[in-house]
Amino acid sequence: MNMFIATLLSPLIGGVLLGLIRNPELAAKLNILTGMTTFVFSILLSMQVVGHDAVDAMGGWFHLDAYNVFLVALTAFVGMTTTIFSRPYMQHELENGRVNTNRMRLYHSMYQLFQFGMLLGFTTNNIGVLWVSLELATLATVLLVSLYRTPASIAAAWKYFILCGMGIALALFGTVLVFYASSAVIGHGNEALTWTILMEHASDLDATVMSIAFCFLMVGYGTKVGLAPMHAWLPDAHGEGPTPVSAVLSGLLLNLALYALVRCKMLVDGATETDMAGHIMMGFGLFSLAVAALSLHKQRDIKRMFSFSSVEHMALMTFAFGIGTPLATFAALLHMTVHSLVKSAIFFTVGHAAQAMGTQKMAEIRGLIRHHPGIGWGLLIGVAAIAGFPPFGVFISEFLVFSAALQSYPWTVVPLLLGLLVAMAGLFRFVQPMVYGETAPHARHVHVNMTPVYIHLTLALLLGLSIPTFLADWYHEAATLITMATVTGGGA
């Protein structure tokens, strides 16, 4: 598993080196190089794992299967394209005095440390280390959210730290309860927290304790997913932090928290042999979708608006994973992919738009297509994609979620449809005047790099037109792995 070690160590070594480099231009180039290196290693790692049985690495401390190696590749890809986008974006922030050389060094170093925390969380075979990795990624992003050191950014970072800290604490208590249940069966060693061993003995675990544990894990990790009513940190973190941080928060960090929640659901399904965990996830998903859809109409800041769009789509994924059928799980994995691609592309565009207009207030952003056609069209097409317009991949994944809901829980289709329609109306209500009309008088020309936007939206379009066979097989293999516990336990 040399590729695994290389994938994991690449961002860690890069983060250490970037913490020592004072030249911002050199640091930006090394940041891109580190992102590219990590992505190449992740692809080579995926080729070793997909199509084969799950493998363990480093004495069983790390576990690789179709589910997590797919997320490793997605994380490395979005992480790489974000480094490309961040070079001109952060250079503009440096020139305008919003950050200095020391903060640029902090930015690049913490960005790669965040990537390391993400990859560690996806690949670890220990649910305790999974909790630690989420905490590591959280602490790194707290420093990134507060990068501008304004009162608003510091308040947002503090709110993010407190709310997510409380969530992580609840998740820790849930993990302790899992250890309590497993230690009675497996013993008090490291094996009692090893996920693969827990899955082998899932049916022997105390169902009552595991049910209580999942309630804590649901609220704890659900806070990191951004599910209502624990989502209050997300709009502030998006609104006050640098835009590259918003891109990886929505496109990557939320995925890790949902990944942890799904892994826990698999254990609880095997222990309880009921649909209890899935029903709780479905309930949180529907409630969060309603809250996000209505909140979209009340926003004035462009980044805060798209943060609620992230809440909406994470809610849809949580709902789909809660249904637990192979079709629903396939749809959730596809939606996770296209959401990461499209939402990060939208934040790339929003970052350039805010710099060009000198503000994040939507009322003061006008005429983007006339001022800079690349930014204007990128924002318009990105919003059409994330709203579920065909032929983009979001339309296909949402259609599959609806199909799965019709098969298993037909009554949920109406609230799902209403929530998505209200959210779509909220997006276009604000985006249309921003991209059309006369250019705002305060608009200015800035150096932009729209290449990552074009790449992400093109991939989302291709996934809507035709999912490549190897990728469909990948999703199918991962969906089979995830639903195995539910099917064994008599799930939906």
Protein backbone atom coordinates (compact mmCIF):
# COMPACT_ATOMS: atom_id res chain seq x y z
CA MET A 1 0.00 0.00 0.00
CA ASN A 2 2.77 2.40 -0.93
CA MET A 3 0.27 4.60 -2.78
CA PHE A 4 -1.79 4.89 0.40
CA ILE A 5 1.19 6.15 2.40
CA ALA A 6 2.09 8.57 -0.39
CA THR A 7 -1.49 9.89 -0.60
CA LEU A 8 -1.69 10.46 3.14
CA LEU A 9 1.74 11.97 3.62
CA SER A 10 1.68 14.30 0.60
CA PRO A 11 -0.55 17.01 2.18
CA LEU A 12 1.09 16.55 5.59
CA ILE A 13 4.60 17.13 4.25
CA GLY A 14 3.33 19.91 2.00
CA GLY A 15 1.65 21.62 4.95
CA VAL A 16 4.86 21.55 7.00
CA LEU A 17 6.92 22.96 4.14
CA LEU A 18 4.35 25.66 3.37
CA GLY A 19 4.47 26.75 7.00
CA LEU A 20 8.15 27.59 6.49
CA ILE A 21 7.92 29.48 3.18
CA ARG A 22 7.55 33.25 3.43
CA ASN A 23 7.37 33.99 -0.31
CA PRO A 24 3.63 34.04 -1.18
CA GLU A 25 4.15 33.33 -4.89
CA LEU A 26 6.43 30.37 -4.21
CA ALA A 27 4.01 29.10 -1.56
CA ALA A 28 1.08 29.32 -3.99
CA LYS A 29 2.99 27.26 -6.56
CA LEU A 30 4.00 24.66 -3.98
CA ASN A 31 0.39 24.52 -2.78
CA ILE A 32 -0.75 23.69 -6.31
CA LEU A 33 2.05 21.14 -6.74
CA THR A 34 1.10 19.46 -3.46
CA GLY A 35 -2.54 19.30 -4.53
CA MET A 36 -1.64 17.78 -7.88
CA THR A 37 0.68 15.25 -6.27
CA THR A 38 -1.98 14.17 -3.80
CA PHE A 39 -4.53 13.77 -6.60
CA VAL A 40 -2.19 11.63 -8.72
CA PHE A 41 -1.44 9.39 -5.75
CA SER A 42 -5.17 9.10 -4.97
CA ILE A 43 -5.95 7.96 -8.52
CA LEU A 44 -3.21 5.34 -8.40
CA LEU A 45 -4.54 4.22 -5.02
CA SER A 46 -8.08 3.97 -6.38
CA MET A 47 -6.89 1.77 -9.24
CA GLN A 48 -5.39 -0.62 -6.69
CA VAL A 49 -8.58 -0.88 -4.63
CA VAL A 50 -11.61 -0.59 -6.96
CA GLY A 51 -12.67 -3.90 -8.43
CA HIS A 52 -10.82 -5.81 -5.71
CA ASP A 53 -11.67 -6.84 -2.19
CA ALA A 54 -11.27 -4.26 0.56
CA VAL A 55 -7.73 -4.04 1.85
CA ASP A 56 -6.15 -3.06 5.16
CA ALA A 57 -2.97 -1.04 5.49
CA MET A 58 -0.38 -0.49 8.23
CA GLY A 59 -1.38 -3.41 10.41
CA GLY A 60 -5.11 -2.86 10.10
CA TRP A 61 -5.08 0.74 11.33
CA PHE A 62 -6.31 1.86 7.91
CA HIS A 63 -8.99 0.30 5.75
CA LEU A 64 -9.68 0.92 2.07
CA ASP A 65 -12.80 -0.12 0.22
CA ALA A 66 -14.90 1.13 -2.68
CA TYR A 67 -16.76 3.59 -0.47
CA ASN A 68 -13.91 5.50 1.10
CA VAL A 69 -11.40 5.32 -1.75
CA PHE A 70 -14.03 6.96 -3.98
CA LEU A 71 -14.23 9.83 -1.49
CA VAL A 72 -10.44 10.00 -1.24
CA ALA A 73 -10.22 10.57 -5.00
CA LEU A 74 -13.03 13.15 -4.95
CA THR A 75 -11.43 14.99 -2.03
CA ALA A 76 -8.02 15.07 -3.69
CA PHE A 77 -9.50 16.32 -6.97
CA VAL A 78 -11.51 19.18 -5.48
CA GLY A 79 -8.60 19.99 -3.20
CA MET A 80 -6.31 20.26 -6.23
CA THR A 81 -8.62 22.51 -8.27
CA THR A 82 -9.18 24.73 -5.23
CA THR A 83 -5.44 25.33 -4.97
CA ILE A 84 -5.45 26.44 -8.61
CA PHE A 85 -8.32 28.83 -7.98
CA SER A 86 -6.84 30.16 -4.75
CA ARG A 87 -3.61 31.40 -6.33
CA PRO A 88 -5.07 34.50 -8.09
CA TYR A 89 -7.78 34.90 -5.46
CA MET A 90 -5.42 35.05 -2.50
CA GLN A 91 -2.93 37.18 -4.46
CA HIS A 92 -5.71 39.76 -4.87
CA GLU A 93 -6.46 39.61 -1.13
CA LEU A 94 -2.76 40.14 -0.41
CA GLU A 95 -2.53 43.14 -2.77
CA ASN A 96 -5.62 44.73 -1.18
CA GLY A 97 -4.19 44.33 2.32
CA ARG A 98 -6.82 41.93 3.61
CA VAL A 99 -4.04 39.47 4.48
CA ASN A 100 -0.31 39.85 5.02
CA THR A 101 2.61 37.54 4.31
CA ASN A 102 2.35 35.72 7.63
CA ARG A 103 -1.36 35.06 7.16
CA MET A 104 -0.69 33.79 3.63
CA ARG A 105 1.77 31.34 5.14
CA LEU A 106 -0.86 30.30 7.68
CA TYR A 107 -3.44 29.93 4.91
CA HIS A 108 -1.36 27.60 2.74
CA SER A 109 -0.13 25.51 5.67
CA MET A 110 -3.58 25.07 7.26
CA TYR A 111 -5.14 24.30 3.88
CA GLN A 112 -2.88 21.28 3.43
CA LEU A 113 -3.31 20.26 7.07
CA PHE A 114 -7.05 20.33 6.44
CA GLN A 115 -6.54 18.04 3.44
CA PHE A 116 -4.50 15.67 5.59
CA GLY A 117 -7.25 15.57 8.22
CA MET A 118 -9.81 14.78 5.55
CA LEU A 119 -7.80 11.94 4.01
CA LEU A 120 -6.98 10.55 7.45
CA GLY A 121 -10.66 10.47 8.36
CA PHE A 122 -11.72 8.74 5.15
CA THR A 123 -9.09 6.00 5.39
CA THR A 124 -8.80 5.20 9.10
CA ASN A 125 -10.17 1.89 10.32
CA ASN A 126 -10.66 3.18 13.87
CA ILE A 127 -13.80 5.11 14.74
CA GLY A 128 -11.89 6.93 17.48
CA VAL A 129 -9.28 8.14 14.99
CA LEU A 130 -12.15 9.12 12.68
CA TRP A 131 -13.41 11.41 15.43
CA VAL A 132 -9.90 12.84 15.91
CA SER A 133 -9.52 13.51 12.19
CA LEU A 134 -12.77 15.47 12.10
CA GLU A 135 -11.55 17.53 15.04
CA LEU A 136 -8.24 18.13 13.25
CA ALA A 137 -10.00 19.28 10.08
CA THR A 138 -12.26 21.50 12.17
CA LEU A 139 -9.38 23.19 13.99
CA ALA A 140 -7.58 23.83 10.69
CA THR A 141 -10.66 25.43 9.15
CA VAL A 142 -11.30 27.53 12.28
CA LEU A 143 -7.95 29.21 11.65
CA LEU A 144 -8.83 29.63 7.98
CA VAL A 145 -12.25 31.14 8.68
CA SER A 146 -10.65 33.73 10.98
CA LEU A 147 -7.87 34.51 8.47
CA TYR A 148 -8.94 38.12 7.84
CA ARG A 149 -8.88 38.90 11.59
CA THR A 150 -11.87 41.22 11.34
CA PRO A 151 -14.36 41.27 14.23
CA ALA A 152 -16.91 39.51 12.02
CA SER A 153 -14.49 36.77 10.90
CA ILE A 154 -13.27 36.14 14.45
CA ALA A 155 -16.88 35.95 15.69
CA ALA A 156 -17.74 33.52 12.87
CA ALA A 157 -14.71 31.35 13.68
CA TRP A 158 -15.58 31.36 17.37
CA LYS A 159 -19.19 30.40 16.64
CA TYR A 160 -17.97 27.68 14.30
CA PHE A 161 -15.58 26.36 16.95
CA ILE A 162 -18.13 26.40 19.79
CA LEU A 163 -21.05 24.84 17.89
CA CYS A 164 -18.96 22.21 16.12
CA GLY A 165 -17.06 21.59 19.36
CA MET A 166 -20.32 20.81 21.09
CA GLY A 167 -21.30 18.57 18.19
CA ILE A 168 -17.98 16.77 18.24
CA ALA A 169 -18.33 16.30 22.01
CA LEU A 170 -21.70 14.60 21.50
CA ALA A 171 -20.18 12.45 18.77
CA LEU A 172 -17.39 11.49 21.20
CA PHE A 173 -19.97 10.41 23.77
CA GLY A 174 -21.68 8.33 21.09
CA THR A 175 -18.33 6.76 20.23
CA VAL A 176 -17.75 5.95 23.91
CA LEU A 177 -21.14 4.20 24.00
CA VAL A 178 -20.16 2.16 20.93
CA PHE A 179 -16.95 1.19 22.73
CA TYR A 180 -18.99 0.23 25.81
CA ALA A 181 -21.18 -2.05 23.70
CA SER A 182 -18.30 -3.56 21.72
CA SER A 183 -15.93 -4.08 24.65
CA ALA A 184 -18.46 -6.45 26.20
CA VAL A 185 -18.20 -8.60 23.07
CA ILE A 186 -14.70 -8.01 21.69
CA GLY A 187 -12.69 -6.90 24.72
CA HIS A 188 -11.19 -3.63 25.89
CA GLY A 189 -8.41 -3.41 23.32
CA ASN A 190 -8.08 -1.39 20.14
CA GLU A 191 -10.22 -3.99 18.37
CA ALA A 192 -13.30 -2.62 20.13
CA LEU A 193 -12.97 0.56 18.04
CA THR A 194 -11.80 -1.06 14.80
CA TRP A 195 -14.55 -0.64 12.26
CA THR A 196 -14.01 -3.86 10.29
CA ILE A 197 -14.05 -5.94 13.49
CA LEU A 198 -17.11 -4.07 14.73
CA MET A 199 -18.92 -4.91 11.49
CA GLU A 200 -18.08 -8.60 11.92
CA HIS A 201 -19.65 -8.57 15.40
CA ALA A 202 -22.39 -5.99 14.74
CA SER A 203 -25.23 -8.46 15.35
CA ASP A 204 -23.76 -9.29 18.79
CA LEU A 205 -23.69 -5.68 20.01
CA ASP A 206 -26.32 -4.52 22.51
CA ALA A 207 -29.13 -3.06 20.40
CA THR A 208 -30.35 -0.65 23.09
CA VAL A 209 -26.91 0.84 23.72
CA MET A 210 -26.23 1.13 20.00
CA SER A 211 -29.57 2.89 19.47
CA ILE A 212 -28.75 5.43 22.18
CA ALA A 213 -25.25 5.83 20.74
CA PHE A 214 -26.64 6.62 17.29
CA CYS A 215 -28.82 9.40 18.70
CA PHE A 216 -25.69 11.11 20.03
CA LEU A 217 -23.74 10.38 16.85
CA MET A 218 -26.58 11.71 14.72
CA VAL A 219 -26.67 15.05 16.52
CA GLY A 220 -22.88 15.23 16.86
CA TYR A 221 -21.86 14.40 13.31
CA GLY A 222 -25.08 15.99 12.02
CA THR A 223 -23.77 19.31 13.35
CA LYS A 224 -20.73 18.93 11.09
CA VAL A 225 -22.93 17.85 8.17
CA GLY A 226 -24.82 21.12 8.58
CA LEU A 227 -28.21 19.60 9.31
CA ALA A 228 -30.89 21.76 10.91
CA PRO A 229 -31.26 22.84 13.64
CA MET A 230 -27.48 22.46 14.23
CA HIS A 231 -26.53 24.36 11.07
CA ALA A 232 -26.13 27.89 12.46
CA TRP A 233 -22.32 27.87 12.15
CA LEU A 234 -22.33 27.20 8.41
CA PRO A 235 -23.60 30.54 7.01
CA ASP A 236 -21.25 32.58 9.20
CA ALA A 237 -18.21 30.43 8.37
CA HIS A 238 -18.96 30.76 4.66
CA GLY A 239 -19.72 34.44 4.78
CA GLU A 240 -16.62 35.60 6.66
CA GLY A 241 -13.88 33.19 5.58
CA PRO A 242 -11.87 33.26 2.33
CA THR A 243 -13.78 31.84 -0.62
CA PRO A 244 -11.42 28.86 -1.17
CA VAL A 245 -12.29 27.83 2.38
CA SER A 246 -16.00 28.04 1.53
CA ALA A 247 -15.38 25.79 -1.48
CA VAL A 248 -13.72 23.03 0.55
CA LEU A 249 -16.12 23.39 3.48
CA SER A 250 -19.14 22.76 1.26
CA GLY A 251 -17.48 20.45 -1.22
CA LEU A 252 -15.40 18.31 1.14
CA LEU A 253 -15.70 18.72 4.93
CA LEU A 254 -19.44 18.13 4.99
CA ASN A 255 -18.82 14.90 3.05
CA LEU A 256 -16.48 13.58 5.75
CA ALA A 257 -19.05 14.17 8.48
CA LEU A 258 -21.74 12.43 6.44
CA TYR A 259 -19.31 9.59 5.69
CA ALA A 260 -18.79 9.10 9.44
CA LEU A 261 -22.54 9.13 10.01
CA VAL A 262 -23.14 6.50 7.32
CA ARG A 263 -20.42 4.25 8.76
CA CYS A 264 -22.14 4.50 12.16
CA LYS A 265 -25.52 3.75 10.58
CA MET A 266 -24.10 0.54 9.11
CA LEU A 267 -23.08 -0.61 12.60
CA VAL A 268 -26.43 0.29 14.14
CA ASP A 269 -28.36 -1.44 11.36
CA GLY A 270 -26.45 -4.64 12.01
CA ALA A 271 -26.94 -4.38 15.78
CA THR A 272 -30.63 -3.44 15.92
CA GLU A 273 -31.87 -5.23 12.77
CA THR A 274 -34.34 -2.37 12.34
CA ASP A 275 -34.65 0.78 10.24
CA MET A 276 -34.37 3.05 13.28
CA ALA A 277 -31.15 4.78 12.21
CA GLY A 278 -32.40 5.27 8.67
CA HIS A 279 -35.68 6.77 9.85
CA ILE A 280 -33.84 9.26 12.06
CA MET A 281 -31.64 10.28 9.11
CA MET A 282 -34.68 10.68 6.89
CA GLY A 283 -36.38 12.88 9.47
CA PHE A 284 -33.36 15.14 9.85
CA GLY A 285 -33.01 15.25 6.08
CA LEU A 286 -36.58 16.38 5.43
CA PHE A 287 -36.53 18.95 8.22
CA SER A 288 -33.18 20.38 7.09
CA LEU A 289 -34.39 20.58 3.49
CA ALA A 290 -37.41 22.64 4.58
CA VAL A 291 -35.32 24.99 6.74
CA ALA A 292 -32.72 25.51 4.02
CA ALA A 293 -35.29 26.11 1.27
CA LEU A 294 -37.08 28.80 3.28
CA SER A 295 -33.86 30.39 4.54
CA LEU A 296 -32.58 30.88 0.99
CA HIS A 297 -35.21 33.58 0.47
CA LYS A 298 -34.02 35.64 3.46
CA GLN A 299 -30.36 36.08 2.56
CA ARG A 300 -28.55 39.28 1.57
CA ASP A 301 -24.97 37.94 1.37
CA ILE A 302 -24.14 35.83 -1.68
CA LYS A 303 -21.89 33.38 0.16
CA ARG A 304 -24.40 32.92 2.98
CA MET A 305 -27.08 32.17 0.39
CA PHE A 306 -25.05 29.37 -1.16
CA SER A 307 -24.22 28.02 2.29
CA PHE A 308 -27.93 27.34 2.75
CA SER A 309 -27.89 25.64 -0.63
CA SER A 310 -25.23 23.33 0.84
CA VAL A 311 -27.53 22.59 3.79
CA GLU A 312 -30.26 21.73 1.27
CA HIS A 313 -28.15 19.25 -0.65
CA MET A 314 -26.54 17.64 2.41
CA ALA A 315 -30.09 17.15 3.69
CA LEU A 316 -31.02 15.39 0.44
CA MET A 317 -27.99 13.08 0.72
CA THR A 318 -28.78 12.32 4.38
CA PHE A 319 -32.35 11.49 3.41
CA ALA A 320 -31.19 9.18 0.60
CA PHE A 321 -28.69 7.35 2.82
CA GLY A 322 -31.49 7.04 5.39
CA ILE A 323 -33.72 5.20 2.90
CA GLY A 324 -30.91 2.69 2.69
CA THR A 325 -31.86 0.80 -0.47
CA PRO A 326 -29.23 0.15 -3.15
CA LEU A 327 -30.89 2.66 -5.50
CA ALA A 328 -31.08 5.36 -2.84
CA THR A 329 -27.47 4.79 -1.81
CA PHE A 330 -26.31 4.90 -5.44
CA ALA A 331 -28.21 8.18 -5.84
CA ALA A 332 -26.64 9.61 -2.67
CA LEU A 333 -23.11 8.75 -3.84
CA LEU A 334 -23.75 10.31 -7.25
CA HIS A 335 -25.26 13.38 -5.61
CA MET A 336 -22.26 13.67 -3.31
CA THR A 337 -20.01 13.74 -6.38
CA VAL A 338 -21.92 16.27 -8.44
CA HIS A 339 -22.64 18.50 -5.45
CA SER A 340 -18.94 18.66 -4.58
CA LEU A 341 -18.10 19.56 -8.18
CA VAL A 342 -20.84 22.11 -8.79
CA LYS A 343 -20.89 23.80 -5.39
CA SER A 344 -17.12 24.32 -5.35
CA ALA A 345 -17.35 25.72 -8.90
CA ILE A 346 -20.07 28.13 -7.74
CA PHE A 347 -17.93 29.33 -4.85
CA PHE A 348 -14.98 29.81 -7.21
CA THR A 349 -17.19 32.04 -9.35
CA VAL A 350 -18.68 33.83 -6.34
CA GLY A 351 -15.20 34.61 -5.05
CA HIS A 352 -14.20 36.29 -8.29
CA ALA A 353 -17.57 38.07 -8.50
CA ALA A 354 -17.20 39.48 -4.97
CA GLN A 355 -13.70 40.73 -5.78
CA ALA A 356 -14.86 42.29 -9.06
CA MET A 357 -17.76 44.09 -7.38
CA GLY A 358 -15.94 44.81 -4.13
CA THR A 359 -18.77 43.38 -2.05
CA GLN A 360 -20.63 40.19 -1.12
CA LYS A 361 -23.99 41.98 -0.83
CA MET A 362 -26.24 40.66 -3.56
CA ALA A 363 -28.07 44.00 -3.91
CA GLU A 364 -24.79 45.61 -5.04
CA ILE A 365 -23.72 42.88 -7.49
CA ARG A 366 -25.09 43.68 -10.94
CA GLY A 367 -24.28 43.10 -14.60
CA LEU A 368 -21.75 40.33 -14.17
CA ILE A 369 -22.19 39.05 -17.72
CA ARG A 370 -21.47 42.49 -19.18
CA HIS A 371 -18.60 43.21 -16.84
CA HIS A 372 -16.91 39.80 -17.05
CA PRO A 373 -18.76 37.21 -19.21
CA GLY A 374 -16.77 34.31 -17.75
CA ILE A 375 -17.87 35.14 -14.20
CA GLY A 376 -21.46 35.90 -15.19
CA TRP A 377 -22.01 32.80 -17.29
CA GLY A 378 -20.13 30.64 -14.78
CA LEU A 379 -22.46 31.76 -11.99
CA LEU A 380 -25.61 31.37 -14.09
CA ILE A 381 -24.72 27.90 -15.38
CA GLY A 382 -23.52 26.81 -11.94
CA VAL A 383 -26.83 27.83 -10.36
CA ALA A 384 -28.77 26.04 -13.11
CA ALA A 385 -26.71 22.92 -12.42
CA ILE A 386 -27.10 22.99 -8.62
CA ALA A 387 -30.83 23.73 -8.94
CA GLY A 388 -31.26 20.40 -10.74
CA PHE A 389 -31.78 21.51 -14.32
CA PRO A 390 -31.16 18.82 -16.94
CA PRO A 391 -28.87 17.63 -18.36
CA PHE A 392 -26.51 18.20 -15.40
CA GLY A 393 -25.67 15.40 -13.01
CA VAL A 394 -27.63 16.93 -10.12
CA PHE A 395 -30.83 16.35 -12.11
CA ILE A 396 -29.98 12.66 -12.52
CA SER A 397 -29.08 12.14 -8.86
CA GLU A 398 -32.20 13.95 -7.65
CA PHE A 399 -34.34 11.92 -10.07
CA LEU A 400 -32.85 8.72 -8.63
CA VAL A 401 -33.55 9.92 -5.07
CA PHE A 402 -37.18 10.55 -6.06
CA SER A 403 -37.37 7.09 -7.64
CA ALA A 404 -35.98 5.46 -4.50
CA ALA A 405 -38.41 7.44 -2.32
CA LEU A 406 -41.34 6.37 -4.48
CA GLN A 407 -40.34 2.73 -4.09
CA SER A 408 -39.90 2.78 -0.31
CA TYR A 409 -41.66 5.84 1.18
CA PRO A 410 -44.05 7.38 -1.39
CA TRP A 411 -45.40 9.95 1.07
CA THR A 412 -42.00 11.68 1.21
CA VAL A 413 -42.06 12.66 -2.46
CA VAL A 414 -44.35 15.67 -1.91
CA PRO A 415 -42.23 17.38 0.80
CA LEU A 416 -39.10 16.57 -1.21
CA LEU A 417 -40.51 18.16 -4.36
CA LEU A 418 -41.81 21.23 -2.52
CA GLY A 419 -38.50 21.75 -0.76
CA LEU A 420 -36.46 21.56 -3.96
CA LEU A 421 -38.86 23.87 -5.85
CA VAL A 422 -38.81 26.49 -3.10
CA ALA A 423 -35.01 26.33 -2.96
CA MET A 424 -34.72 26.66 -6.74
CA ALA A 425 -37.00 29.70 -6.70
CA GLY A 426 -34.85 31.29 -3.99
CA LEU A 427 -31.65 30.79 -5.98
CA PHE A 428 -32.97 32.27 -9.23
CA ARG A 429 -34.74 35.08 -7.42
CA PHE A 430 -31.36 36.52 -6.44
CA VAL A 431 -29.03 35.27 -9.18
CA GLN A 432 -30.95 36.66 -12.17
CA PRO A 433 -30.47 40.36 -11.29
CA MET A 434 -26.82 39.76 -10.40
CA VAL A 435 -25.85 38.38 -13.79
CA TYR A 436 -28.01 40.57 -16.06
CA GLY A 437 -28.60 44.29 -16.36
CA GLU A 438 -26.24 47.25 -16.30
CA THR A 439 -22.85 46.82 -14.72
CA ALA A 440 -22.58 48.28 -11.22
CA PRO A 441 -20.59 51.56 -11.24
CA HIS A 442 -18.20 50.29 -8.57
CA ALA A 443 -17.17 47.23 -10.63
CA ARG A 444 -13.48 46.71 -11.19
CA HIS A 445 -11.35 44.37 -13.25
CA VAL A 446 -9.56 41.58 -11.40
CA HIS A 447 -7.33 38.72 -12.47
CA VAL A 448 -9.38 35.51 -12.50
CA ASN A 449 -8.78 31.87 -13.25
CA MET A 450 -11.99 30.27 -14.47
CA THR A 451 -10.36 27.00 -15.56
CA PRO A 452 -11.39 25.09 -12.39
CA VAL A 453 -14.96 26.32 -12.88
CA TYR A 454 -15.08 25.08 -16.48
CA ILE A 455 -13.60 21.71 -15.49
CA HIS A 456 -16.07 21.14 -12.64
CA LEU A 457 -19.15 22.17 -14.60
CA THR A 458 -18.07 20.11 -17.62
CA LEU A 459 -17.67 17.03 -15.44
CA ALA A 460 -21.09 17.65 -13.86
CA LEU A 461 -22.58 17.93 -17.36
CA LEU A 462 -20.91 14.72 -18.54
CA LEU A 463 -22.17 12.85 -15.48
CA GLY A 464 -25.67 14.01 -16.37
CA LEU A 465 -25.38 12.87 -19.97
CA SER A 466 -23.75 9.50 -19.35
CA ILE A 467 -22.05 7.99 -16.31
CA PRO A 468 -18.90 6.15 -17.46
CA THR A 469 -19.04 2.40 -16.95
CA PHE A 470 -16.09 2.31 -14.57
CA LEU A 471 -17.65 5.05 -12.42
CA ALA A 472 -21.08 3.39 -12.42
CA ASP A 473 -19.45 0.14 -11.33
CA TRP A 474 -17.62 2.07 -8.63
CA TYR A 475 -20.87 3.57 -7.30
CA HIS A 476 -22.59 0.19 -7.50
CA GLU A 477 -19.80 -1.53 -5.57
CA ALA A 478 -19.85 1.17 -2.89
CA ALA A 479 -23.66 1.10 -2.68
CA THR A 480 -23.61 -2.68 -2.27
CA LEU A 481 -21.05 -2.36 0.53
CA ILE A 482 -23.08 0.29 2.38
CA THR A 483 -26.45 -1.46 2.06
CA MET A 484 -25.11 -4.89 3.05
CA ALA A 485 -25.72 -4.26 6.75
CA THR A 486 -29.19 -2.91 6.10
CA VAL A 487 -30.17 -5.83 3.90
CA THR A 488 -28.73 -8.31 6.44
CA GLY A 489 -30.57 -6.57 9.23
CA GLY A 490 -33.86 -6.46 7.36
CA GLY A 491 -33.78 -2.81 6.37
CA ALA A 492 -35.99 -0.87 4.02
